[in-house]
Amino acid sequence: MKKHSCASLPATEQNELLGVGVALTLRATIEFFFIRRRGTRAGWDVTRAFLSGAKEFFASKGMDGMVESAERFLQEVPFKEGQWLASAERWRTLTDTALSDASIDTWWNDR
């Protein structure tokens, strides 16, 4: 089997291949680091539980400043959750359309 390298491709095809790689990497990175945790109600439940636990821990250690910080973060959760859930929904629309495997495949094959 003959091996091919990207360097043996014409420059325009190299750029197109790079574009596909960037799109796939961007999609995977955003999903992994942001959407899977912040884009679901379950992810926000984990955040609330963590902050509640942190607040209790800091209270047991007499760390009043940290208790206040944890409480402030807890109070901000509903707003942040709403913003992230709305953004995640828009992201899912994008990944179901322009950034879907089928769409990227169609672009690659029709170029």
Protein backbone atom coordinates (compact mmCIF):
# COMPACT_ATOMS: atom_id res chain seq x y z
CA MET A 1 0.00 0.00 0.00
CA LYS A 2 1.39 3.36 -1.04
CA LYS A 3 1.67 5.94 1.74
CA HIS A 4 0.50 9.47 1.11
CA SER A 5 1.52 12.54 2.99
CA CYS A 6 -0.25 15.83 3.16
CA ALA A 7 2.88 17.47 1.74
CA SER A 8 2.40 15.59 -1.55
CA LEU A 9 -1.00 17.21 -2.09
CA PRO A 10 -1.42 20.44 -4.07
CA ALA A 11 -1.40 23.56 -1.87
CA THR A 12 -5.11 24.22 -2.38
CA GLU A 13 -6.01 20.69 -1.32
CA GLN A 14 -3.69 20.99 1.69
CA ASN A 15 -5.54 24.15 2.73
CA GLU A 16 -8.91 22.46 2.27
CA LEU A 17 -7.78 19.47 4.31
CA LEU A 18 -6.50 21.83 6.99
CA GLY A 19 -9.90 23.56 6.99
CA VAL A 20 -11.67 20.25 7.62
CA GLY A 21 -9.23 19.45 10.41
CA VAL A 22 -9.78 22.84 12.04
CA ALA A 23 -13.58 22.48 11.85
CA LEU A 24 -13.49 18.98 13.39
CA THR A 25 -11.01 20.02 16.08
CA LEU A 26 -13.04 23.11 16.96
CA ARG A 27 -16.23 21.06 17.22
CA ALA A 28 -14.61 18.41 19.43
CA THR A 29 -12.84 20.94 21.66
CA ILE A 30 -15.96 22.99 22.34
CA GLU A 31 -17.98 19.85 23.03
CA PHE A 32 -15.35 18.39 25.38
CA PHE A 33 -14.43 21.48 27.37
CA PHE A 34 -17.68 23.43 27.42
CA ILE A 35 -20.89 21.88 26.16
CA ARG A 36 -20.79 18.49 27.89
CA ARG A 37 -20.56 20.12 31.33
CA ARG A 38 -22.16 23.53 30.97
CA GLY A 39 -24.66 22.65 28.27
CA THR A 40 -26.87 20.40 30.39
CA ARG A 41 -28.98 20.83 33.52
CA ALA A 42 -27.19 17.81 35.00
CA GLY A 43 -23.86 19.60 34.58
CA TRP A 44 -25.22 22.58 36.48
CA ASP A 45 -26.53 20.29 39.21
CA VAL A 46 -22.94 19.09 39.66
CA THR A 47 -21.79 22.72 39.89
CA ARG A 48 -24.44 23.52 42.50
CA ALA A 49 -23.52 20.44 44.54
CA PHE A 50 -19.83 21.33 44.37
CA LEU A 51 -20.42 24.91 45.48
CA SER A 52 -22.73 23.82 48.29
CA GLY A 53 -20.12 21.32 49.48
CA ALA A 54 -17.39 23.95 49.26
CA LYS A 55 -19.52 26.38 51.25
CA GLU A 56 -20.06 23.79 53.99
CA PHE A 57 -16.38 22.88 54.05
CA PHE A 58 -15.27 26.50 54.32
CA ALA A 59 -17.86 27.14 57.04
CA SER A 60 -16.51 24.19 59.04
CA LYS A 61 -13.02 25.68 58.81
CA GLY A 62 -14.16 29.18 59.79
CA MET A 63 -13.18 30.61 56.42
CA ASP A 64 -15.89 33.27 56.23
CA GLY A 65 -14.50 35.00 53.13
CA MET A 66 -14.56 31.75 51.19
CA VAL A 67 -18.09 30.99 52.44
CA GLU A 68 -19.19 34.35 51.06
CA SER A 69 -17.49 33.65 47.74
CA ALA A 70 -19.12 30.23 47.43
CA GLU A 71 -22.51 31.76 48.29
CA ARG A 72 -22.04 34.51 45.70
CA PHE A 73 -21.13 31.90 43.06
CA LEU A 74 -24.20 29.85 44.04
CA GLN A 75 -26.41 32.91 43.59
CA GLU A 76 -24.96 33.47 40.11
CA VAL A 77 -25.63 29.90 38.97
CA PRO A 78 -29.22 30.41 37.71
CA PHE A 79 -28.18 33.27 35.43
CA LYS A 80 -25.07 31.50 34.16
CA GLU A 81 -26.99 28.27 33.69
CA GLY A 82 -29.60 30.03 31.56
CA GLN A 83 -26.95 31.70 29.42
CA TRP A 84 -24.97 28.49 28.92
CA LEU A 85 -28.04 26.37 28.16
CA ALA A 86 -29.17 28.88 25.52
CA SER A 87 -25.67 28.95 24.02
CA ALA A 88 -25.50 25.15 24.05
CA GLU A 89 -28.80 24.95 22.18
CA ARG A 90 -27.46 27.29 19.49
CA TRP A 91 -24.25 25.24 19.39
CA ARG A 92 -26.23 22.03 18.90
CA THR A 93 -28.10 23.64 16.04
CA LEU A 94 -24.78 24.51 14.43
CA THR A 95 -23.34 21.02 14.96
CA ASP A 96 -26.52 19.48 13.57
CA THR A 97 -26.25 21.61 10.42
CA ALA A 98 -23.10 23.37 9.16
CA LEU A 99 -20.68 21.51 11.46
CA SER A 100 -22.27 18.07 11.15
CA ASP A 101 -20.26 15.19 9.74
CA ALA A 102 -22.66 15.03 6.80
CA SER A 103 -22.27 18.73 6.03
CA ILE A 104 -18.48 18.63 6.27
CA ASP A 105 -18.43 15.47 4.14
CA THR A 106 -20.65 17.10 1.52
CA TRP A 107 -18.41 20.17 1.43
CA TRP A 108 -15.31 17.96 1.10
CA ASN A 109 -16.81 15.89 -1.72
CA ASP A 110 -18.29 18.88 -3.61
CA ARG A 111 -15.23 21.13 -3.50
